[in-house]
Amino acid sequence: MNSLFALTEGERIALIGLVAAVGAGIPGAFTLWLTNRVKKENTTQHGQSQKQLGKLTEVVTVQTVKLDEVRDDVREIAVKVDQHSDLIARHDEHLHHLPVHRATGTDGPRSIT
């Protein structure tokens, strides 16, 4: 057994250096592995986030179009209400200018049948 571990002083120093180099490389290798894993997870999460943002953008766009359509409908209704209001006002003025028959309270005599 002595011959198995019988090393010269230079071989012992080289072996200690090798063990130290391997020991020093382990944290670096672990850090590299961990960094690559985190980068892969970040890339996956970024892709998922982009997909969700795309869906959200689509929904917002559709809702904006719907709101614009409702706004246009409301404007059309407002124009019609204004037109009807003017028409009612004209009819009201016309009704106030008709002669009223004193006896019947109407705009003229009525025939009784």
N, C-alpha and C. Protein backbone atom coordinates (compact mmCIF):
# COMPACT_ATOMS: atom_id res chain seq x y z
N MET A 1 0.79 -1.19 0.00
CA MET A 1 0.00 0.00 0.00
C MET A 1 0.83 1.24 0.00
N ASN A 2 1.95 1.14 0.57
CA ASN A 2 2.82 2.30 0.60
C ASN A 2 3.22 2.72 -0.80
N SER A 3 3.33 1.77 -1.69
CA SER A 3 3.73 2.11 -3.03
C SER A 3 2.61 2.81 -3.80
N LEU A 4 1.38 2.56 -3.41
CA LEU A 4 0.25 3.20 -4.07
C LEU A 4 0.22 4.68 -3.77
N PHE A 5 0.54 5.05 -2.56
CA PHE A 5 0.54 6.46 -2.17
C PHE A 5 1.93 7.04 -2.12
N ALA A 6 2.87 6.33 -2.60
CA ALA A 6 4.24 6.82 -2.59
C ALA A 6 4.39 7.81 -3.72
N LEU A 7 4.31 9.07 -3.36
CA LEU A 7 4.41 10.15 -4.34
C LEU A 7 5.59 11.02 -3.99
N THR A 8 6.12 11.58 -4.98
CA THR A 8 7.19 12.54 -4.72
C THR A 8 6.56 13.83 -4.24
N GLU A 9 7.38 14.70 -3.73
CA GLU A 9 6.86 15.98 -3.22
C GLU A 9 6.25 16.79 -4.36
N GLY A 10 6.76 16.77 -5.51
CA GLY A 10 6.22 17.48 -6.67
C GLY A 10 4.86 16.91 -7.08
N GLU A 11 4.77 15.54 -7.03
CA GLU A 11 3.50 14.92 -7.37
C GLU A 11 2.42 15.26 -6.35
N ARG A 12 2.83 15.32 -5.07
CA ARG A 12 1.88 15.70 -4.03
C ARG A 12 1.39 17.13 -4.25
N ILE A 13 2.30 18.02 -4.56
CA ILE A 13 1.94 19.42 -4.80
C ILE A 13 1.02 19.52 -6.02
N ALA A 14 1.34 18.76 -7.06
CA ALA A 14 0.51 18.77 -8.26
C ALA A 14 -0.88 18.21 -7.95
N LEU A 15 -0.94 17.15 -7.15
CA LEU A 15 -2.23 16.56 -6.78
C LEU A 15 -3.03 17.54 -5.92
N ILE A 16 -2.42 18.22 -5.00
CA ILE A 16 -3.10 19.23 -4.17
C ILE A 16 -3.60 20.37 -5.07
N GLY A 17 -2.78 20.78 -6.02
CA GLY A 17 -3.18 21.83 -6.96
C GLY A 17 -4.37 21.40 -7.80
N LEU A 18 -4.34 20.13 -8.22
CA LEU A 18 -5.46 19.61 -9.03
C LEU A 18 -6.74 19.58 -8.21
N VAL A 19 -6.67 19.11 -6.98
CA VAL A 19 -7.85 19.07 -6.11
C VAL A 19 -8.35 20.50 -5.86
N ALA A 20 -7.43 21.43 -5.63
CA ALA A 20 -7.82 22.83 -5.39
C ALA A 20 -8.46 23.43 -6.66
N ALA A 21 -7.92 23.11 -7.82
CA ALA A 21 -8.47 23.63 -9.07
C ALA A 21 -9.87 23.08 -9.31
N VAL A 22 -10.06 21.79 -9.05
CA VAL A 22 -11.37 21.19 -9.21
C VAL A 22 -12.33 21.82 -8.20
N GLY A 23 -11.88 21.98 -6.98
CA GLY A 23 -12.70 22.60 -5.94
C GLY A 23 -13.07 24.03 -6.29
N ALA A 24 -12.14 24.75 -6.87
CA ALA A 24 -12.41 26.13 -7.24
C ALA A 24 -13.33 26.21 -8.46
N GLY A 25 -13.32 25.21 -9.32
CA GLY A 25 -14.15 25.22 -10.52
C GLY A 25 -15.59 24.83 -10.26
N ILE A 26 -15.83 24.12 -9.20
CA ILE A 26 -17.20 23.66 -8.90
C ILE A 26 -18.15 24.85 -8.69
N PRO A 27 -17.82 25.83 -7.87
CA PRO A 27 -18.75 26.96 -7.73
C PRO A 27 -19.00 27.69 -9.05
N GLY A 28 -17.95 27.84 -9.86
CA GLY A 28 -18.11 28.49 -11.16
C GLY A 28 -19.03 27.71 -12.07
N ALA A 29 -18.87 26.37 -12.09
CA ALA A 29 -19.72 25.53 -12.92
C ALA A 29 -21.16 25.58 -12.42
N PHE A 30 -21.34 25.55 -11.10
CA PHE A 30 -22.68 25.64 -10.53
C PHE A 30 -23.32 26.99 -10.87
N THR A 31 -22.54 28.05 -10.77
CA THR A 31 -23.05 29.38 -11.10
C THR A 31 -23.45 29.45 -12.57
N LEU A 32 -22.65 28.89 -13.45
CA LEU A 32 -22.97 28.88 -14.87
C LEU A 32 -24.25 28.09 -15.13
N TRP A 33 -24.39 26.92 -14.52
CA TRP A 33 -25.61 26.12 -14.67
C TRP A 33 -26.83 26.89 -14.17
N LEU A 34 -26.71 27.51 -12.98
CA LEU A 34 -27.82 28.26 -12.40
C LEU A 34 -28.18 29.47 -13.26
N THR A 35 -27.19 30.16 -13.78
CA THR A 35 -27.43 31.32 -14.65
C THR A 35 -28.17 30.90 -15.91
N ASN A 36 -27.76 29.81 -16.53
CA ASN A 36 -28.44 29.33 -17.73
C ASN A 36 -29.88 28.93 -17.44
N ARG A 37 -30.09 28.31 -16.28
CA ARG A 37 -31.44 27.91 -15.91
C ARG A 37 -32.33 29.13 -15.70
N VAL A 38 -31.82 30.15 -15.02
CA VAL A 38 -32.59 31.37 -14.78
C VAL A 38 -32.88 32.09 -16.10
N LYS A 39 -31.90 32.13 -16.99
CA LYS A 39 -32.12 32.76 -18.31
C LYS A 39 -33.23 32.04 -19.07
N LYS A 40 -33.22 30.71 -19.02
CA LYS A 40 -34.25 29.94 -19.71
C LYS A 40 -35.63 30.22 -19.11
N GLU A 41 -35.72 30.27 -17.78
CA GLU A 41 -37.00 30.58 -17.13
C GLU A 41 -37.46 31.99 -17.48
N ASN A 42 -36.53 32.94 -17.49
CA ASN A 42 -36.88 34.32 -17.85
C ASN A 42 -37.39 34.42 -19.27
N THR A 43 -36.76 33.69 -20.18
CA THR A 43 -37.19 33.70 -21.57
C THR A 43 -38.59 33.12 -21.69
N THR A 44 -38.84 32.03 -20.98
CA THR A 44 -40.18 31.42 -21.00
C THR A 44 -41.21 32.37 -20.43
N GLN A 45 -40.90 32.98 -19.28
CA GLN A 45 -41.84 33.92 -18.65
C GLN A 45 -42.06 35.15 -19.53
N HIS A 46 -41.01 35.62 -20.18
CA HIS A 46 -41.14 36.78 -21.07
C HIS A 46 -42.08 36.44 -22.24
N GLY A 47 -41.93 35.24 -22.78
CA GLY A 47 -42.81 34.81 -23.87
C GLY A 47 -44.25 34.74 -23.41
N GLN A 48 -44.47 34.21 -22.21
CA GLN A 48 -45.83 34.13 -21.68
C GLN A 48 -46.39 35.52 -21.43
N SER A 49 -45.56 36.41 -20.91
CA SER A 49 -46.00 37.80 -20.66
C SER A 49 -46.36 38.48 -21.97
N GLN A 50 -45.56 38.29 -22.99
CA GLN A 50 -45.83 38.89 -24.30
C GLN A 50 -47.15 38.36 -24.86
N LYS A 51 -47.40 37.08 -24.67
CA LYS A 51 -48.64 36.47 -25.15
C LYS A 51 -49.84 37.08 -24.42
N GLN A 52 -49.73 37.23 -23.10
CA GLN A 52 -50.82 37.81 -22.31
C GLN A 52 -51.03 39.28 -22.69
N LEU A 53 -49.95 40.02 -22.89
CA LEU A 53 -50.08 41.42 -23.30
C LEU A 53 -50.73 41.53 -24.68
N GLY A 54 -50.42 40.58 -25.55
CA GLY A 54 -51.06 40.57 -26.87
C GLY A 54 -52.56 40.35 -26.76
N LYS A 55 -52.95 39.42 -25.88
CA LYS A 55 -54.39 39.18 -25.67
C LYS A 55 -55.06 40.42 -25.09
N LEU A 56 -54.39 41.04 -24.11
CA LEU A 56 -54.95 42.24 -23.49
C LEU A 56 -55.10 43.36 -24.50
N THR A 57 -54.10 43.54 -25.33
CA THR A 57 -54.16 44.57 -26.37
C THR A 57 -55.32 44.32 -27.32
N GLU A 58 -55.53 43.06 -27.66
CA GLU A 58 -56.64 42.70 -28.56
C GLU A 58 -57.98 43.03 -27.92
N VAL A 59 -58.13 42.69 -26.64
CA VAL A 59 -59.39 42.96 -25.93
C VAL A 59 -59.63 44.47 -25.84
N VAL A 60 -58.58 45.21 -25.50
CA VAL A 60 -58.73 46.67 -25.40
C VAL A 60 -59.10 47.27 -26.75
N THR A 61 -58.49 46.78 -27.80
CA THR A 61 -58.81 47.28 -29.15
C THR A 61 -60.27 47.01 -29.50
N VAL A 62 -60.73 45.80 -29.22
CA VAL A 62 -62.13 45.46 -29.52
C VAL A 62 -63.06 46.34 -28.71
N GLN A 63 -62.77 46.54 -27.43
CA GLN A 63 -63.62 47.37 -26.58
C GLN A 63 -63.61 48.83 -27.04
N THR A 64 -62.47 49.30 -27.49
CA THR A 64 -62.37 50.67 -28.00
C THR A 64 -63.24 50.84 -29.23
N VAL A 65 -63.21 49.86 -30.12
CA VAL A 65 -64.06 49.91 -31.32
C VAL A 65 -65.53 49.93 -30.92
N LYS A 66 -65.89 49.08 -29.95
CA LYS A 66 -67.29 49.05 -29.49
C LYS A 66 -67.69 50.38 -28.87
N LEU A 67 -66.81 50.96 -28.08
CA LEU A 67 -67.10 52.27 -27.47
C LEU A 67 -67.27 53.35 -28.54
N ASP A 68 -66.43 53.30 -29.55
CA ASP A 68 -66.56 54.26 -30.65
C ASP A 68 -67.90 54.09 -31.36
N GLU A 69 -68.33 52.84 -31.54
CA GLU A 69 -69.62 52.59 -32.19
C GLU A 69 -70.77 53.12 -31.32
N VAL A 70 -70.68 52.89 -30.02
CA VAL A 70 -71.72 53.39 -29.10
C VAL A 70 -71.73 54.92 -29.12
N ARG A 71 -70.55 55.52 -29.12
CA ARG A 71 -70.45 56.98 -29.17
C ARG A 71 -71.12 57.52 -30.43
N ASP A 72 -70.89 56.86 -31.56
CA ASP A 72 -71.52 57.28 -32.82
C ASP A 72 -73.05 57.13 -32.74
N ASP A 73 -73.50 56.01 -32.15
CA ASP A 73 -74.95 55.81 -31.99
C ASP A 73 -75.56 56.90 -31.11
N VAL A 74 -74.88 57.24 -30.03
CA VAL A 74 -75.38 58.29 -29.12
C VAL A 74 -75.45 59.62 -29.85
N ARG A 75 -74.45 59.92 -30.66
CA ARG A 75 -74.47 61.18 -31.43
C ARG A 75 -75.66 61.20 -32.40
N GLU A 76 -75.89 60.07 -33.08
CA GLU A 76 -77.03 60.00 -34.00
C GLU A 76 -78.35 60.19 -33.26
N ILE A 77 -78.48 59.57 -32.10
CA ILE A 77 -79.70 59.72 -31.31
C ILE A 77 -79.85 61.18 -30.85
N ALA A 78 -78.75 61.80 -30.45
CA ALA A 78 -78.81 63.21 -30.01
C ALA A 78 -79.28 64.11 -31.14
N VAL A 79 -78.81 63.85 -32.36
CA VAL A 79 -79.25 64.65 -33.51
C VAL A 79 -80.75 64.45 -33.72
N LYS A 80 -81.22 63.20 -33.65
CA LYS A 80 -82.65 62.92 -33.85
C LYS A 80 -83.48 63.58 -32.75
N VAL A 81 -83.02 63.53 -31.51
CA VAL A 81 -83.73 64.17 -30.41
C VAL A 81 -83.82 65.67 -30.65
N ASP A 82 -82.73 66.28 -31.09
CA ASP A 82 -82.76 67.71 -31.40
C ASP A 82 -83.76 68.01 -32.52
N GLN A 83 -83.76 67.17 -33.55
CA GLN A 83 -84.69 67.38 -34.66
C GLN A 83 -86.14 67.26 -34.18
N HIS A 84 -86.43 66.25 -33.38
CA HIS A 84 -87.79 66.07 -32.87
C HIS A 84 -88.17 67.20 -31.92
N SER A 85 -87.23 67.66 -31.15
CA SER A 85 -87.49 68.78 -30.24
C SER A 85 -87.86 70.03 -31.04
N ASP A 86 -87.12 70.30 -32.11
CA ASP A 86 -87.45 71.44 -32.98
C ASP A 86 -88.83 71.26 -33.60
N LEU A 87 -89.14 70.07 -34.07
CA LEU A 87 -90.43 69.79 -34.68
C LEU A 87 -91.57 70.00 -33.68
N ILE A 88 -91.39 69.50 -32.47
CA ILE A 88 -92.40 69.69 -31.43
C ILE A 88 -92.57 71.17 -31.11
N ALA A 89 -91.47 71.90 -31.05
CA ALA A 89 -91.55 73.33 -30.76
C ALA A 89 -92.32 74.06 -31.87
N ARG A 90 -92.08 73.69 -33.13
CA ARG A 90 -92.80 74.32 -34.24
C ARG A 90 -94.29 73.99 -34.17
N HIS A 91 -94.62 72.73 -33.89
CA HIS A 91 -96.03 72.35 -33.77
C HIS A 91 -96.69 73.10 -32.60
N ASP A 92 -95.96 73.24 -31.51
CA ASP A 92 -96.50 73.95 -30.35
C ASP A 92 -96.77 75.41 -30.71
N GLU A 93 -95.85 76.04 -31.43
CA GLU A 93 -96.06 77.43 -31.87
C GLU A 93 -97.27 77.51 -32.79
N HIS A 94 -97.39 76.57 -33.70
CA HIS A 94 -98.50 76.55 -34.64
C HIS A 94 -99.83 76.40 -33.89
N LEU A 95 -99.85 75.51 -32.90
CA LEU A 95 -101.07 75.30 -32.13
C LEU A 95 -101.47 76.57 -31.35
N HIS A 96 -100.50 77.30 -30.85
CA HIS A 96 -100.79 78.52 -30.08
C HIS A 96 -101.29 79.65 -30.98
N HIS A 97 -101.02 79.59 -32.25
CA HIS A 97 -101.45 80.64 -33.17
C HIS A 97 -102.80 80.36 -33.84
N LEU A 98 -103.37 79.18 -33.62
CA LEU A 98 -104.68 78.87 -34.21
C LEU A 98 -105.76 79.63 -33.46
N PRO A 99 -106.80 80.08 -34.18
CA PRO A 99 -107.90 80.78 -33.49
C PRO A 99 -108.69 79.78 -32.65
N VAL A 100 -109.10 80.20 -31.50
CA VAL A 100 -109.87 79.35 -30.60
C VAL A 100 -111.31 79.82 -30.61
N HIS A 101 -112.23 78.89 -30.82
CA HIS A 101 -113.65 79.21 -30.82
C HIS A 101 -114.09 79.38 -29.37
N ARG A 102 -114.73 80.51 -29.06
CA ARG A 102 -115.05 80.83 -27.67
C ARG A 102 -116.07 79.87 -27.07
N ALA A 103 -116.98 79.44 -27.81
CA ALA A 103 -118.06 78.62 -27.26
C ALA A 103 -117.57 77.19 -26.96
N THR A 104 -116.78 76.62 -27.86
CA THR A 104 -116.39 75.22 -27.69
C THR A 104 -114.99 75.06 -27.10
N GLY A 105 -114.20 76.12 -27.16
CA GLY A 105 -112.81 76.01 -26.68
C GLY A 105 -111.94 75.28 -27.66
N THR A 106 -112.47 75.12 -28.89
CA THR A 106 -111.70 74.42 -29.91
C THR A 106 -111.35 75.41 -31.00
N ASP A 107 -110.75 74.91 -32.05
CA ASP A 107 -110.33 75.79 -33.15
C ASP A 107 -111.42 76.00 -34.17
N GLY A 108 -112.63 75.63 -33.89
CA GLY A 108 -113.73 75.88 -34.83
C GLY A 108 -114.98 75.14 -34.40
N PRO A 109 -116.10 75.45 -35.04
CA PRO A 109 -117.35 74.80 -34.67
C PRO A 109 -117.32 73.32 -35.04
N ARG A 110 -118.02 72.55 -34.28
CA ARG A 110 -118.10 71.12 -34.53
C ARG A 110 -119.54 70.77 -34.85
N SER A 111 -119.68 69.83 -35.72
CA SER A 111 -121.04 69.41 -36.06
C SER A 111 -121.43 68.28 -35.13
N ILE A 112 -122.65 68.32 -34.71
CA ILE A 112 -123.14 67.27 -33.81
C ILE A 112 -123.96 66.31 -34.66
N THR A 113 -123.64 65.07 -34.62
CA THR A 113 -124.37 64.08 -35.39
C THR A 113 -125.04 63.08 -34.52
